Structures are given as C-alpha cells and as structure tokens.
C-alpha atoms as a PDB file:
ATOM      1  CA  MET A   1       0.004   0.001  -0.068  1.00  0.00           C
ATOM      2  CA  THR A   2       1.527   3.334  -1.090  1.00  0.00           C
ATOM      3  CA  ILE A   3       0.868   6.220   1.204  1.00  0.00           C
ATOM      4  CA  ASN A   4       0.812   9.728  -0.412  1.00  0.00           C
ATOM      5  CA  LEU A   5       0.856  13.317   0.512  1.00  0.00           C
ATOM      6  CA  LEU A   6      -0.666  16.000  -1.664  1.00  0.00           C
ATOM      7  CA  ASP A   7       0.969  19.428  -1.160  1.00  0.00           C
ATOM      8  CA  THR A   8      -0.859  22.606  -0.899  1.00  0.00           C
ATOM      9  CA  SER A   9       0.334  23.531  -4.472  1.00  0.00           C
ATOM     10  CA  VAL A  10      -1.709  20.609  -5.827  1.00  0.00           C
ATOM     11  CA  TYR A  11      -4.966  21.811  -4.473  1.00  0.00           C
ATOM     12  CA  GLY A  12      -4.055  25.272  -5.439  1.00  0.00           C
ATOM     13  CA  VAL A  13      -4.767  24.581  -9.134  1.00  0.00           C
ATOM     14  CA  LEU A  14      -8.426  23.607  -8.485  1.00  0.00           C
ATOM     15  CA  PRO A  15      -9.845  27.131  -8.896  1.00  0.00           C
ATOM     16  CA  ASP A  16      -8.323  27.779 -12.219  1.00  0.00           C
ATOM     17  CA  LYS A  17      -9.509  25.442 -15.025  1.00  0.00           C
ATOM     18  CA  TYR A  18      -6.954  26.881 -17.400  1.00  0.00           C
ATOM     19  CA  GLU A  19      -4.067  25.993 -15.118  1.00  0.00           C
ATOM     20  CA  ARG A  20      -1.597  23.471 -16.780  1.00  0.00           C
ATOM     21  CA  ASP A  21      -2.225  20.589 -14.267  1.00  0.00           C
ATOM     22  CA  HIS A  22      -5.898  21.327 -13.578  1.00  0.00           C
ATOM     23  CA  GLU A  23      -7.318  18.175 -15.301  1.00  0.00           C
ATOM     24  CA  VAL A  24      -4.685  15.960 -13.845  1.00  0.00           C
ATOM     25  CA  VAL A  25      -5.225  17.315 -10.370  1.00  0.00           C
ATOM     26  CA  ARG A  26      -9.060  16.868 -10.676  1.00  0.00           C
ATOM     27  CA  GLU A  27      -8.415  13.175 -11.562  1.00  0.00           C
ATOM     28  CA  ILE A  28      -5.987  12.734  -8.657  1.00  0.00           C
ATOM     29  CA  ILE A  29      -8.400  14.361  -6.194  1.00  0.00           C
ATOM     30  CA  GLU A  30     -11.234  12.102  -7.417  1.00  0.00           C
ATOM     31  CA  TYR A  31      -8.947   9.040  -7.003  1.00  0.00           C
ATOM     32  CA  ALA A  32      -8.012  10.281  -3.526  1.00  0.00           C
ATOM     33  CA  LYS A  33     -11.626  10.710  -2.494  1.00  0.00           C
ATOM     34  CA  LYS A  34     -12.222   6.970  -3.387  1.00  0.00           C
ATOM     35  CA  ASN A  35      -8.937   5.867  -1.683  1.00  0.00           C
ATOM     36  CA  ARG A  36      -8.726   8.240   1.269  1.00  0.00           C
ATOM     37  CA  ASP A  37      -6.798   5.673   3.387  1.00  0.00           C
ATOM     38  CA  LEU A  38      -3.897   6.178   0.927  1.00  0.00           C
ATOM     39  CA  PHE A  39      -3.695   9.949   1.467  1.00  0.00           C
ATOM     40  CA  VAL A  40      -2.490  11.766   4.515  1.00  0.00           C
ATOM     41  CA  THR A  41      -1.957  15.518   5.286  1.00  0.00           C
ATOM     42  CA  THR A  42      -0.310  17.936   7.672  1.00  0.00           C
ATOM     43  CA  PHE A  43      -1.736  20.800   9.758  1.00  0.00           C
ATOM     44  CA  ILE A  44       0.603  22.972   7.656  1.00  0.00           C
ATOM     45  CA  ILE A  45      -1.244  22.152   4.482  1.00  0.00           C
ATOM     46  CA  SER A  46      -4.584  22.722   6.134  1.00  0.00           C
ATOM     47  CA  LYS A  47      -3.377  25.996   7.563  1.00  0.00           C
ATOM     48  CA  GLU A  48      -2.118  27.176   4.115  1.00  0.00           C
ATOM     49  CA  LEU A  49      -5.357  26.279   2.404  1.00  0.00           C
ATOM     50  CA  ASN A  50      -7.491  27.979   5.132  1.00  0.00           C
ATOM     51  CA  SER A  51      -5.271  31.007   5.351  1.00  0.00           C
ATOM     52  CA  ASP A  52      -6.572  34.573   5.577  1.00  0.00           C
ATOM     53  CA  ARG A  53      -4.568  35.219   2.393  1.00  0.00           C
ATOM     54  CA  VAL A  54      -6.843  32.852   0.529  1.00  0.00           C
ATOM     55  CA  ASN A  55      -9.957  34.335  -1.040  1.00  0.00           C
ATOM     56  CA  GLU A  56     -13.236  33.139   0.443  1.00  0.00           C
ATOM     57  CA  ARG A  57     -14.455  31.985  -2.963  1.00  0.00           C
ATOM     58  CA  ILE A  58     -11.356  29.919  -3.503  1.00  0.00           C
ATOM     59  CA  LYS A  59     -11.682  28.357   0.065  1.00  0.00           C
ATOM     60  CA  LYS A  60     -15.272  27.365  -0.677  1.00  0.00           C
ATOM     61  CA  LEU A  61     -13.999  25.444  -3.746  1.00  0.00           C
ATOM     62  CA  VAL A  62     -10.816  24.039  -2.464  1.00  0.00           C
ATOM     63  CA  LEU A  63     -11.489  23.136   1.239  1.00  0.00           C
ATOM     64  CA  PRO A  64     -14.307  20.610   0.545  1.00  0.00           C
ATOM     65  CA  GLU A  65     -12.091  18.936  -2.026  1.00  0.00           C
ATOM     66  CA  TYR A  66      -9.192  18.882   0.290  1.00  0.00           C
ATOM     67  CA  TYR A  67     -11.068  17.511   3.314  1.00  0.00           C
ATOM     68  CA  SER A  68     -12.850  14.801   1.233  1.00  0.00           C
ATOM     69  CA  SER A  69      -9.540  13.597  -0.250  1.00  0.00           C
ATOM     70  CA  VAL A  70      -7.488  12.767   2.848  1.00  0.00           C
ATOM     71  CA  SER A  71      -7.815  10.073   5.517  1.00  0.00           C
ATOM     72  CA  THR A  72      -9.888  11.151   8.476  1.00  0.00           C
ATOM     73  CA  SER A  73      -7.175   9.765  10.654  1.00  0.00           C
ATOM     74  CA  GLY A  74      -4.191  10.824   8.473  1.00  0.00           C
ATOM     75  CA  VAL A  75      -2.952  14.064  10.075  1.00  0.00           C
ATOM     76  CA  ILE A  76       0.732  13.324  10.381  1.00  0.00           C
ATOM     77  CA  GLU A  77       1.460  15.496  13.291  1.00  0.00           C
ATOM     78  CA  LEU A  78      -1.338  13.711  15.257  1.00  0.00           C
ATOM     79  CA  LEU A  79      -0.024  10.220  14.302  1.00  0.00           C
ATOM     80  CA  TYR A  80       3.489  11.137  15.304  1.00  0.00           C
ATOM     81  CA  ASN A  81       2.870  13.791  18.053  1.00  0.00           C
ATOM     82  CA  ASP A  82       5.958  12.767  20.016  1.00  0.00           C
ATOM     83  CA  GLU A  83       8.138  13.778  17.059  1.00  0.00           C
ATOM     84  CA  PHE A  84       7.596  17.570  17.009  1.00  0.00           C
ATOM     85  CA  ASP A  85      11.195  18.511  18.049  1.00  0.00           C
ATOM     86  CA  PHE A  86      12.648  15.965  15.692  1.00  0.00           C
ATOM     87  CA  ALA A  87      10.579  17.331  12.810  1.00  0.00           C
ATOM     88  CA  LYS A  88      11.792  20.865  13.520  1.00  0.00           C
ATOM     89  CA  LYS A  89      15.395  19.645  13.790  1.00  0.00           C
ATOM     90  CA  LEU A  90      15.076  17.791  10.566  1.00  0.00           C
ATOM     91  CA  ALA A  91      13.565  20.740   8.742  1.00  0.00           C
ATOM     92  CA  TRP A  92      16.361  23.042   9.839  1.00  0.00           C
ATOM     93  CA  ASN A  93      18.749  20.390   8.746  1.00  0.00           C
ATOM     94  CA  TYR A  94      17.266  20.464   5.209  1.00  0.00           C
ATOM     95  CA  ILE A  95      17.492  24.254   4.876  1.00  0.00           C
ATOM     96  CA  GLN A  96      21.039  24.716   6.269  1.00  0.00           C
ATOM     97  CA  LYS A  97      22.481  24.637   2.753  1.00  0.00           C
ATOM     98  CA  LEU A  98      20.045  27.299   1.405  1.00  0.00           C
ATOM     99  CA  GLU A  99      20.645  31.080   1.490  1.00  0.00           C
ATOM    100  CA  LYS A 100      19.270  32.630   4.595  1.00  0.00           C
ATOM    101  CA  ARG A 101      16.566  34.626   2.710  1.00  0.00           C
ATOM    102  CA  GLU A 102      15.377  31.629   0.831  1.00  0.00           C
ATOM    103  CA  ALA A 103      15.403  29.466   3.954  1.00  0.00           C
ATOM    104  CA  SER A 104      12.846  31.613   5.733  1.00  0.00           C
ATOM    105  CA  ARG A 105      10.465  31.310   2.769  1.00  0.00           C
ATOM    106  CA  VAL A 106      10.585  27.570   2.536  1.00  0.00           C
ATOM    107  CA  MET A 107      10.186  26.529   6.186  1.00  0.00           C
ATOM    108  CA  ASP A 108       6.669  25.139   5.643  1.00  0.00           C
ATOM    109  CA  ASP A 109       7.933  23.044   2.776  1.00  0.00           C
ATOM    110  CA  ALA A 110      10.808  21.830   4.886  1.00  0.00           C
ATOM    111  CA  LEU A 111       8.546  20.948   7.778  1.00  0.00           C
ATOM    112  CA  ASN A 112       6.058  19.124   5.383  1.00  0.00           C
ATOM    113  CA  TYR A 113       8.855  17.143   3.968  1.00  0.00           C
ATOM    114  CA  ALA A 114      10.259  16.397   7.448  1.00  0.00           C
ATOM    115  CA  TRP A 115       6.775  15.149   8.537  1.00  0.00           C
ATOM    116  CA  ALA A 116       6.507  12.979   5.355  1.00  0.00           C
ATOM    117  CA  SER A 117       9.922  11.478   6.112  1.00  0.00           C
ATOM    118  CA  ILE A 118       9.097  10.778   9.746  1.00  0.00           C
ATOM    119  CA  ALA A 119       5.806   9.122   8.687  1.00  0.00           C
ATOM    120  CA  GLU A 120       7.568   7.114   6.014  1.00  0.00           C
ATOM    121  CA  ILE A 121       5.293   8.506   3.314  1.00  0.00           C
ATOM    122  CA  ASP A 122       6.030   6.917  -0.031  1.00  0.00           C
ATOM    123  CA  ILE A 123       5.252   9.903  -2.372  1.00  0.00           C
ATOM    124  CA  PHE A 124       5.211  13.550  -1.820  1.00  0.00           C
ATOM    125  CA  VAL A 125       3.219  15.195  -4.687  1.00  0.00           C
ATOM    126  CA  THR A 126       3.841  18.860  -5.306  1.00  0.00           C
ATOM    127  CA  ARG A 127       3.874  21.479  -8.090  1.00  0.00           C
ATOM    128  CA  ASN A 128       6.378  23.465  -5.940  1.00  0.00           C
ATOM    129  CA  ARG A 129       9.821  22.936  -7.407  1.00  0.00           C
ATOM    130  CA  ARG A 130      11.887  25.596  -5.529  1.00  0.00           C
ATOM    131  CA  GLY A 131      13.958  25.460  -2.409  1.00  0.00           C
ATOM    132  CA  VAL A 132      13.929  22.245  -0.590  1.00  0.00           C
ATOM    133  CA  LEU A 133      11.568  20.645  -2.989  1.00  0.00           C
ATOM    134  CA  ALA A 134      13.622  21.442  -6.113  1.00  0.00           C
ATOM    135  CA  LYS A 135      14.961  18.415  -7.949  1.00  0.00           C
ATOM    136  CA  SER A 136      18.483  19.766  -7.781  1.00  0.00           C
ATOM    137  CA  TYR A 137      18.127  19.724  -3.887  1.00  0.00           C
ATOM    138  CA  HIS A 138      17.046  16.052  -3.685  1.00  0.00           C
ATOM    139  CA  PRO A 139      20.595  14.822  -2.989  1.00  0.00           C
ATOM    140  CA  VAL A 140      20.702  17.126   0.129  1.00  0.00           C
ATOM    141  CA  LEU A 141      17.373  15.672   1.343  1.00  0.00           C
ATOM    142  CA  ARG A 142      18.545  12.122   0.676  1.00  0.00           C
ATOM    143  CA  ARG A 143      21.756  12.681   2.653  1.00  0.00           C
ATOM    144  CA  SER A 144      20.013  14.381   5.597  1.00  0.00           C
ATOM    145  CA  ASN A 145      17.418  11.607   5.839  1.00  0.00           C
ATOM    146  CA  LYS A 146      20.071   8.989   5.654  1.00  0.00           C
ATOM    147  CA  LYS A 147      22.065  10.683   8.388  1.00  0.00           C
ATOM    148  CA  MET A 148      18.874  10.696  10.540  1.00  0.00           C
ATOM    149  CA  GLY A 149      18.034   7.054   9.833  1.00  0.00           C
ATOM    150  CA  LEU A 150      15.118   7.915   7.506  1.00  0.00           C
ATOM    151  CA  ASN A 151      14.311   6.981   3.930  1.00  0.00           C
ATOM    152  CA  PHE A 152      14.181   9.590   1.141  1.00  0.00           C
ATOM    153  CA  VAL A 153      10.515  10.289   0.304  1.00  0.00           C
ATOM    154  CA  ARG A 154      10.017  10.623  -3.389  1.00  0.00           C
ATOM    155  CA  ILE A 155       9.014  14.021  -4.628  1.00  0.00           C
ATOM    156  CA  ILE A 156       7.042  14.219  -7.904  1.00  0.00           C
ATOM    157  CA  PRO A 157       4.798  16.535  -9.830  1.00  0.00           C
ATOM    158  CA  PRO A 158       1.102  15.744 -10.285  1.00  0.00           C
ATOM    159  CA  SER A 159       1.460  14.632 -13.891  1.00  0.00           C
ATOM    160  CA  GLU A 160       4.015  11.959 -12.867  1.00  0.00           C
ATOM    161  CA  PHE A 161       1.903  10.873  -9.958  1.00  0.00           C
ATOM    162  CA  TYR A 162      -1.126  10.663 -12.148  1.00  0.00           C
ATOM    163  CA  GLU A 163       0.707   8.148 -14.443  1.00  0.00           C
ATOM    164  CA  THR A 164       1.235   5.811 -11.432  1.00  0.00           C
ATOM    165  CA  LEU A 165      -2.489   5.569 -10.655  1.00  0.00           C
ATOM    166  CA  PRO A 166      -4.188   2.299 -11.427  1.00  0.00           C
END
C-alpha cells in the first residue's frame, strides 16, 4: 500500500480550469476521494489552504475537495505527536544549505517534507519545485534523511503521480 501526501500547491490549481495541471489534479483528487486511506496530510497544508490570504470564494471550492480527499485519521502531526522536536530539527537540517533569505520562505515546505519522512510516506506530490523541493536539492534531502536514519521520500509532480495511478 503506497501512502501519499498531496502538497498545498496541488490543491491550489483547482480554482483555475486553465491551469496547466488542472485536469490531472482533478483526476488525482477524485482518486484520492475513493482511496482516502492512501492519502495523509499535515496541519501545515490545512493552515495554508485555510489562510486569511486565500480568497473566500477559493476556500469554498478548495477546502471541501481537500477534506474529502485525505484520510480522516491521517494528520501526520497527530499520528507522530511525540516527534515535534525531531521534525523541527530535521527541517532546519534540510534548509541549512540554502541562502538565509530563501530558507525563511521555505520553512513550511521543509516541515512538510520532514513530517513526510518521519511518517515514512511513499510519495510527496507537489507542483512546488523551488527551495527544498527542487529536484536539484534532492541529494541534500537524501543525505539528511540517511544521516537521521530515515528513507528519502520521493517528490514528484502531479502529472508523474497521475501516471502511477491504477
């Protein structure tokens, strides 16, 4: 059984039917709704999607899709609540090699990836390809996880993830 985490950026394409990944994301969300036990989330993703910076119209469209596509018992921070300090340490470990200005902008991404690593998620699906989630940065994540006794969590875009669905 493959366990997956859909990043905030995946849900973010839902309001714009002209967005490049819109149709693929719709299909992924429909699959997730039928297979909720295969999809987990973090409080970070929930917080980002429900942020005051997000337009109310967009929230009304995105939040029901989000809540219906993740496991009801799959909030990683709840499942691994004794790992908060370790997750923060791991996230800081990831961003050490980034420039200070960039590091502050990617902390949520680093924490999401840290939680995915702690929970031994199989696939982290994201459209965000900057900072710690950039393909060129994967060797740093791989080394950091290995040093901490964790496996590398595969990071892929929605189009690649869609191709793996049955």
